[in-house]
């Protein structure tokens, strides 16, 4: 039987996984938006 700390570690790792994917997608979207805004600002 696994100890409480091992169980807790596994649960936390499993919970962090989907959030990590969302953070990466959000970061990519933010970068893309920043590039678009820079282009628009330079046109004026």
PDB file of N, CA and C in Angstrom:
ATOM      1  N   UNK A   1       0.839  -1.194   0.000  1.00  0.00           N
ATOM      2  CA  UNK A   1       0.000   0.000   0.000  1.00  0.00           C
ATOM      3  C   UNK A   1       0.878   1.250   0.000  1.00  0.00           C
ATOM      4  N   UNK A   2       0.524   2.203  -0.832  1.00  0.00           N
ATOM      5  CA  UNK A   2       1.321   3.423  -0.968  1.00  0.00           C
ATOM      6  C   UNK A   2       1.106   4.354   0.225  1.00  0.00           C
ATOM      7  N   UNK A   3       2.136   5.120   0.515  1.00  0.00           N
ATOM      8  CA  UNK A   3       2.037   6.079   1.616  1.00  0.00           C
ATOM      9  C   UNK A   3       1.201   7.287   1.175  1.00  0.00           C
ATOM     10  N   UNK A   4       0.771   8.044   2.166  1.00  0.00           N
ATOM     11  CA  UNK A   4      -0.059   9.220   1.883  1.00  0.00           C
ATOM     12  C   UNK A   4       0.669  10.236   1.010  1.00  0.00           C
ATOM     13  N   UNK A   5       1.956  10.414   1.259  1.00  0.00           N
ATOM     14  CA  UNK A   5       2.699  11.410   0.477  1.00  0.00           C
ATOM     15  C   UNK A   5       2.793  10.994  -0.988  1.00  0.00           C
ATOM     16  N   UNK A   6       2.948   9.708  -1.246  1.00  0.00           N
ATOM     17  CA  UNK A   6       2.993   9.237  -2.637  1.00  0.00           C
ATOM     18  C   UNK A   6       1.646   9.428  -3.321  1.00  0.00           C
ATOM     19  N   UNK A   7       0.583   9.117  -2.607  1.00  0.00           N
ATOM     20  CA  UNK A   7      -0.760   9.313  -3.170  1.00  0.00           C
ATOM     21  C   UNK A   7      -0.997  10.783  -3.505  1.00  0.00           C
ATOM     22  N   UNK A   8      -0.632  11.643  -2.560  1.00  0.00           N
ATOM     23  CA  UNK A   8      -0.824  13.082  -2.744  1.00  0.00           C
ATOM     24  C   UNK A   8      -0.031  13.583  -3.942  1.00  0.00           C
ATOM     25  N   UNK A   9       1.206  13.106  -4.055  1.00  0.00           N
ATOM     26  CA  UNK A   9       2.066  13.519  -5.170  1.00  0.00           C
ATOM     27  C   UNK A   9       1.448  13.126  -6.504  1.00  0.00           C
ATOM     28  N   UNK A  10       0.921  11.912  -6.598  1.00  0.00           N
ATOM     29  CA  UNK A  10       0.311  11.438  -7.838  1.00  0.00           C
ATOM     30  C   UNK A  10      -0.944  12.240  -8.182  1.00  0.00           C
ATOM     31  N   UNK A  11      -1.758  12.528  -7.170  1.00  0.00           N
ATOM     32  CA  UNK A  11      -3.002  13.280  -7.392  1.00  0.00           C
ATOM     33  C   UNK A  11      -2.672  14.678  -7.903  1.00  0.00           C
ATOM     34  N   UNK A  12      -1.694  15.338  -7.273  1.00  0.00           N
ATOM     35  CA  UNK A  12      -1.326  16.693  -7.685  1.00  0.00           C
ATOM     36  C   UNK A  12      -0.748  16.706  -9.092  1.00  0.00           C
ATOM     37  N   UNK A  13       0.038  15.704  -9.430  1.00  0.00           N
ATOM     38  CA  UNK A  13       0.625  15.624 -10.773  1.00  0.00           C
ATOM     39  C   UNK A  13      -0.467  15.439 -11.816  1.00  0.00           C
ATOM     40  N   UNK A  14      -1.452  14.635 -11.484  1.00  0.00           N
ATOM     41  CA  UNK A  14      -2.542  14.373 -12.421  1.00  0.00           C
ATOM     42  C   UNK A  14      -3.404  15.621 -12.616  1.00  0.00           C
ATOM     43  N   UNK A  15      -3.602  16.389 -11.551  1.00  0.00           N
ATOM     44  CA  UNK A  15      -4.414  17.604 -11.649  1.00  0.00           C
ATOM     45  C   UNK A  15      -3.691  18.688 -12.439  1.00  0.00           C
ATOM     46  N   UNK A  16      -2.369  18.730 -12.358  1.00  0.00           N
ATOM     47  CA  UNK A  16      -1.596  19.790 -13.020  1.00  0.00           C
ATOM     48  C   UNK A  16      -1.513  19.571 -14.523  1.00  0.00           C
ATOM     49  N   UNK A  17      -1.638  18.324 -14.974  1.00  0.00           N
ATOM     50  CA  UNK A  17      -1.437  18.016 -16.385  1.00  0.00           C
ATOM     51  C   UNK A  17      -2.363  18.771 -17.340  1.00  0.00           C
ATOM     52  N   UNK A  18      -3.687  18.719 -17.183  1.00  0.00           N
ATOM     53  CA  UNK A  18      -4.555  19.445 -18.119  1.00  0.00           C
ATOM     54  C   UNK A  18      -4.352  20.955 -18.048  1.00  0.00           C
ATOM     55  N   UNK A  19      -4.081  21.460 -16.865  1.00  0.00           N
ATOM     56  CA  UNK A  19      -3.871  22.893 -16.699  1.00  0.00           C
ATOM     57  C   UNK A  19      -2.635  23.344 -17.458  1.00  0.00           C
ATOM     58  N   UNK A  20      -1.607  22.496 -17.494  1.00  0.00           N
ATOM     59  CA  UNK A  20      -0.379  22.836 -18.198  1.00  0.00           C
ATOM     60  C   UNK A  20      -0.653  23.034 -19.689  1.00  0.00           C
ATOM     61  N   UNK A  21      -1.471  22.171 -20.258  1.00  0.00           N
ATOM     62  CA  UNK A  21      -1.831  22.282 -21.672  1.00  0.00           C
ATOM     63  C   UNK A  21      -2.570  23.586 -21.930  1.00  0.00           C
ATOM     64  N   UNK A  22      -3.494  23.938 -21.047  1.00  0.00           N
ATOM     65  CA  UNK A  22      -4.256  25.180 -21.200  1.00  0.00           C
ATOM     66  C   UNK A  22      -3.347  26.398 -21.103  1.00  0.00           C
ATOM     67  N   UNK A  23      -2.376  26.348 -20.200  1.00  0.00           N
ATOM     68  CA  UNK A  23      -1.459  27.468 -20.047  1.00  0.00           C
ATOM     69  C   UNK A  23      -0.614  27.660 -21.294  1.00  0.00           C
ATOM     70  N   UNK A  24      -0.176  26.544 -21.888  1.00  0.00           N
ATOM     71  CA  UNK A  24       0.623  26.634 -23.113  1.00  0.00           C
ATOM     72  C   UNK A  24      -0.200  27.232 -24.246  1.00  0.00           C
ATOM     73  N   UNK A  25      -1.447  26.806 -24.386  1.00  0.00           N
ATOM     74  CA  UNK A  25      -2.319  27.330 -25.439  1.00  0.00           C
ATOM     75  C   UNK A  25      -2.570  28.814 -25.229  1.00  0.00           C
ATOM     76  N   UNK A  26      -2.782  29.194 -23.990  1.00  0.00           N
ATOM     77  CA  UNK A  26      -3.036  30.592 -23.663  1.00  0.00           C
ATOM     78  C   UNK A  26      -1.807  31.452 -23.972  1.00  0.00           C
ATOM     79  N   UNK A  27      -0.633  30.930 -23.656  1.00  0.00           N
ATOM     80  CA  UNK A  27       0.603  31.656 -23.925  1.00  0.00           C
ATOM     81  C   UNK A  27       0.805  31.850 -25.426  1.00  0.00           C
ATOM     82  N   UNK A  28       0.533  30.819 -26.195  1.00  0.00           N
ATOM     83  CA  UNK A  28       0.674  30.910 -27.650  1.00  0.00           C
ATOM     84  C   UNK A  28      -0.303  31.939 -28.216  1.00  0.00           C
ATOM     85  N   UNK A  29      -1.525  31.923 -27.723  1.00  0.00           N
ATOM     86  CA  UNK A  29      -2.550  32.877 -28.179  1.00  0.00           C
ATOM     87  C   UNK A  29      -2.125  34.308 -27.837  1.00  0.00           C
ATOM     88  N   UNK A  30      -1.591  34.505 -26.662  1.00  0.00           N
ATOM     89  CA  UNK A  30      -1.148  35.827 -26.229  1.00  0.00           C
ATOM     90  C   UNK A  30      -0.011  36.334 -27.108  1.00  0.00           C
ATOM     91  N   UNK A  31       0.937  35.461 -27.423  1.00  0.00           N
ATOM     92  CA  UNK A  31       2.056  35.848 -28.288  1.00  0.00           C
ATOM     93  C   UNK A  31       1.565  36.266 -29.668  1.00  0.00           C
ATOM     94  N   UNK A  32       0.635  35.475 -30.198  1.00  0.00           N
ATOM     95  CA  UNK A  32       0.094  35.770 -31.526  1.00  0.00           C
ATOM     96  C   UNK A  32      -0.621  37.123 -31.525  1.00  0.00           C
ATOM     97  N   UNK A  33      -1.414  37.365 -30.487  1.00  0.00           N
ATOM     98  CA  UNK A  33      -2.131  38.644 -30.367  1.00  0.00           C
ATOM     99  C   UNK A  33      -1.154  39.813 -30.269  1.00  0.00           C
ATOM    100  N   UNK A  34      -0.063  39.621 -29.534  1.00  0.00           N
ATOM    101  CA  UNK A  34       0.932  40.684 -29.374  1.00  0.00           C
ATOM    102  C   UNK A  34       1.564  41.028 -30.719  1.00  0.00           C
ATOM    103  N   UNK A  35       1.865  39.995 -31.522  1.00  0.00           N
ATOM    104  CA  UNK A  35       2.449  40.233 -32.846  1.00  0.00           C
ATOM    105  C   UNK A  35       1.475  41.003 -33.746  1.00  0.00           C
ATOM    106  N   UNK A  36       0.212  40.624 -33.705  1.00  0.00           N
ATOM    107  CA  UNK A  36      -0.806  41.302 -34.515  1.00  0.00           C
ATOM    108  C   UNK A  36      -0.930  42.770 -34.105  1.00  0.00           C
ATOM    109  N   UNK A  37      -0.934  43.014 -32.811  1.00  0.00           N
ATOM    110  CA  UNK A  37      -1.033  44.393 -32.318  1.00  0.00           C
ATOM    111  C   UNK A  37       0.177  45.228 -32.721  1.00  0.00           C
ATOM    112  N   UNK A  38       1.369  44.604 -32.708  1.00  0.00           N
ATOM    113  CA  UNK A  38       2.570  45.318 -33.129  1.00  0.00           C
ATOM    114  C   UNK A  38       2.462  45.717 -34.603  1.00  0.00           C
ATOM    115  N   UNK A  39       1.997  44.796 -35.421  1.00  0.00           N
ATOM    116  CA  UNK A  39       1.828  45.075 -36.854  1.00  0.00           C
ATOM    117  C   UNK A  39       0.838  46.223 -37.072  1.00  0.00           C
ATOM    118  N   UNK A  40      -0.265  46.176 -36.360  1.00  0.00           N
ATOM    119  CA  UNK A  40      -1.266  47.220 -36.511  1.00  0.00           C
ATOM    120  C   UNK A  40      -0.733  48.580 -36.064  1.00  0.00           C
ATOM    121  N   UNK A  41       0.050  48.580 -34.999  1.00  0.00           N
ATOM    122  CA  UNK A  41       0.606  49.828 -34.493  1.00  0.00           C
ATOM    123  C   UNK A  41       1.629  50.405 -35.461  1.00  0.00           C
ATOM    124  N   UNK A  42       2.375  49.551 -36.131  1.00  0.00           N
ATOM    125  CA  UNK A  42       3.409  50.035 -37.058  1.00  0.00           C
ATOM    126  C   UNK A  42       2.809  50.552 -38.362  1.00  0.00           C
ATOM    127  N   UNK A  43       1.602  50.116 -38.689  1.00  0.00           N
ATOM    128  CA  UNK A  43       0.947  50.570 -39.929  1.00  0.00           C
ATOM    129  C   UNK A  43       0.542  52.038 -39.856  1.00  0.00           C
ATOM    130  N   UNK A  44       0.211  52.499 -38.673  1.00  0.00           N
ATOM    131  CA  UNK A  44      -0.276  53.881 -38.516  1.00  0.00           C
ATOM    132  C   UNK A  44       0.807  54.918 -38.596  1.00  0.00           C
TER     133      UNK A  44
END
